[in-house]
Amino acid sequence: MTMSIRIKVRPPDTDNVAKVIVFDRAGKILLLKRRVDQRYPGQWDLPGGHLVDGEAWIDGARREVKEETNLDLLDLEEIFREGRRRYFKSTSFSGSLFADADLPEHDEFLWICPTKISQLKNIGDIYVRAIERAQK
């Protein structure tokens, strides 16, 4: 008797990146701090990442947020595009956020009021602009 083992192979990543500004009910925004062993260590980041080959933008944004935070986005709206990046916003989600120790790609998370974003150190200007656009 022979057994067959099926291994699911994920298609390769593309250069396309989807980032999501996730708002909670109080209007705060979710930020993730990149691990020291990752590119841009210690930088505050928006949830999201590279799409895989053949993946739709919306699907990639949802998948990346789920992988990084454990949250399921219930709504998703594209805000703007910049090169190979698309920025989305979400104001409704289900699930529970990973504890800091369980975050797969980040050291910690932070829910922050949008008016305090500019006071943060170690956040990219493009993220600050994306958050400003998401509030409109």
Protein backbone atom coordinates (compact mmCIF):
# COMPACT_ATOMS: atom_id res chain seq x y z
CA MET A 1 0.00 0.00 0.00
CA THR A 2 1.40 3.34 -0.98
CA MET A 3 0.61 6.56 0.77
CA SER A 4 0.57 9.84 -0.98
CA ILE A 5 1.46 12.97 0.89
CA ARG A 6 0.14 16.25 -0.39
CA ILE A 7 2.16 19.29 0.40
CA LYS A 8 0.57 22.63 -0.23
CA VAL A 9 3.14 24.91 -1.78
CA ARG A 10 2.47 28.61 -1.57
CA PRO A 11 3.06 30.48 -4.82
CA PRO A 12 6.01 32.89 -4.80
CA ASP A 13 5.61 36.41 -3.45
CA THR A 14 5.24 39.27 -5.90
CA ASP A 15 6.52 42.85 -5.60
CA ASN A 16 2.94 43.99 -4.88
CA VAL A 17 2.36 45.07 -1.28
CA ALA A 18 -0.99 45.65 0.44
CA LYS A 19 -1.06 47.60 3.73
CA VAL A 20 -4.13 48.09 5.91
CA ILE A 21 -5.04 50.83 8.36
CA VAL A 22 -7.18 48.96 10.90
CA PHE A 23 -9.43 51.11 13.10
CA ASP A 24 -11.01 49.83 16.31
CA ARG A 25 -14.43 50.99 17.57
CA ALA A 26 -12.81 53.86 19.49
CA GLY A 27 -11.14 55.14 16.30
CA LYS A 28 -7.64 54.01 17.28
CA ILE A 29 -5.27 52.54 14.70
CA LEU A 30 -3.35 49.28 14.94
CA LEU A 31 0.42 49.47 14.51
CA LEU A 32 2.93 46.63 14.70
CA LYS A 33 6.60 46.99 15.67
CA ARG A 34 8.95 45.08 13.39
CA ARG A 35 11.20 42.48 15.01
CA VAL A 36 14.90 43.17 15.32
CA ASP A 37 15.72 40.28 12.99
CA GLN A 38 13.51 41.68 10.20
CA ARG A 39 14.03 44.35 7.59
CA TYR A 40 13.51 47.82 9.16
CA PRO A 41 13.98 46.58 12.74
CA GLY A 42 12.12 48.49 15.45
CA GLN A 43 10.02 50.44 12.94
CA TRP A 44 6.27 50.84 13.45
CA ASP A 45 4.45 49.15 10.62
CA LEU A 46 0.93 48.78 9.29
CA PRO A 47 -0.40 45.24 8.99
CA GLY A 48 -0.01 43.81 5.52
CA GLY A 49 2.63 42.55 3.16
CA HIS A 50 3.45 41.00 -0.18
CA LEU A 51 0.79 39.40 -2.32
CA VAL A 52 1.49 35.96 -3.69
CA ASP A 53 1.48 35.26 -7.41
CA GLY A 54 -2.08 35.32 -8.78
CA GLU A 55 -3.65 36.73 -5.61
CA ALA A 56 -6.19 39.56 -5.77
CA TRP A 57 -5.33 42.73 -3.84
CA ILE A 58 -8.27 42.44 -1.44
CA ASP A 59 -7.55 38.77 -0.77
CA GLY A 60 -3.87 39.48 -0.15
CA ALA A 61 -4.64 42.33 2.24
CA ARG A 62 -7.03 40.14 4.23
CA ARG A 63 -4.64 37.17 4.28
CA GLU A 64 -1.67 39.26 5.42
CA VAL A 65 -3.64 40.92 8.23
CA LYS A 66 -4.88 37.50 9.39
CA GLU A 67 -1.36 36.03 9.31
CA GLU A 68 0.19 38.95 11.21
CA THR A 69 -2.56 39.76 13.72
CA ASN A 70 -5.11 36.90 13.80
CA LEU A 71 -7.88 39.40 12.92
CA ASP A 72 -10.47 38.74 10.21
CA LEU A 73 -11.35 41.93 8.35
CA LEU A 74 -15.08 42.32 7.76
CA ASP A 75 -14.78 45.39 5.57
CA LEU A 76 -11.99 46.68 3.38
CA GLU A 77 -11.80 49.86 1.32
CA GLU A 78 -8.93 50.90 -0.92
CA ILE A 79 -7.70 54.39 -0.05
CA PHE A 80 -4.91 55.00 -2.55
CA ARG A 81 -2.12 53.50 -4.60
CA GLU A 82 1.54 54.37 -4.75
CA GLY A 83 3.63 52.37 -7.18
CA ARG A 84 3.34 48.67 -6.33
CA ARG A 85 1.70 49.46 -2.98
CA ARG A 86 -1.99 49.77 -2.23
CA TYR A 87 -3.35 51.09 1.03
CA PHE A 88 -6.68 49.97 2.47
CA LYS A 89 -8.69 50.78 5.56
CA SER A 90 -10.87 48.60 7.70
CA THR A 91 -13.24 49.65 10.47
CA SER A 92 -14.72 46.27 11.30
CA PHE A 93 -13.05 43.01 12.21
CA SER A 94 -13.60 39.86 14.23
CA GLY A 95 -11.28 37.68 16.23
CA SER A 96 -8.71 38.37 18.90
CA LEU A 97 -5.35 39.95 18.32
CA PHE A 98 -2.32 37.78 19.03
CA ALA A 99 -0.56 38.51 22.32
CA ASP A 100 2.77 40.34 21.83
CA ALA A 101 4.70 37.11 22.44
CA ASP A 102 2.68 35.28 19.78
CA LEU A 103 3.01 37.84 16.97
CA PRO A 104 4.69 35.91 14.14
CA GLU A 105 6.55 38.81 12.49
CA HIS A 106 6.53 41.62 15.05
CA ASP A 107 7.64 42.29 18.63
CA GLU A 108 4.63 44.23 19.81
CA PHE A 109 1.44 45.98 18.79
CA LEU A 110 -0.09 49.31 19.68
CA TRP A 111 -3.55 50.81 19.33
CA ILE A 112 -2.98 54.55 18.95
CA CYS A 113 -5.12 57.63 18.42
CA PRO A 114 -4.48 59.00 14.90
CA THR A 115 -3.68 62.46 16.31
CA LYS A 116 -0.69 60.97 18.15
CA ILE A 117 0.86 59.18 15.17
CA SER A 118 3.18 62.08 14.33
CA GLN A 119 4.66 61.90 17.86
CA LEU A 120 5.88 58.35 17.31
CA LYS A 121 9.50 57.73 16.53
CA ASN A 122 10.35 55.09 13.99
CA ILE A 123 7.35 55.29 11.67
CA GLY A 124 7.65 55.88 7.95
CA ASP A 125 6.28 59.08 6.43
CA ILE A 126 4.27 57.07 3.91
CA TYR A 127 2.40 55.39 6.78
CA VAL A 128 1.67 58.76 8.38
CA ARG A 129 0.27 59.99 5.04
CA ALA A 130 -1.77 56.80 4.57
CA ILE A 131 -3.29 57.20 8.03
CA GLU A 132 -4.15 60.84 7.29
CA ARG A 133 -5.91 59.76 4.08
CA ALA A 134 -7.77 56.98 5.86
CA GLN A 135 -9.40 59.50 8.20
CA LYS A 136 -11.04 61.45 5.38
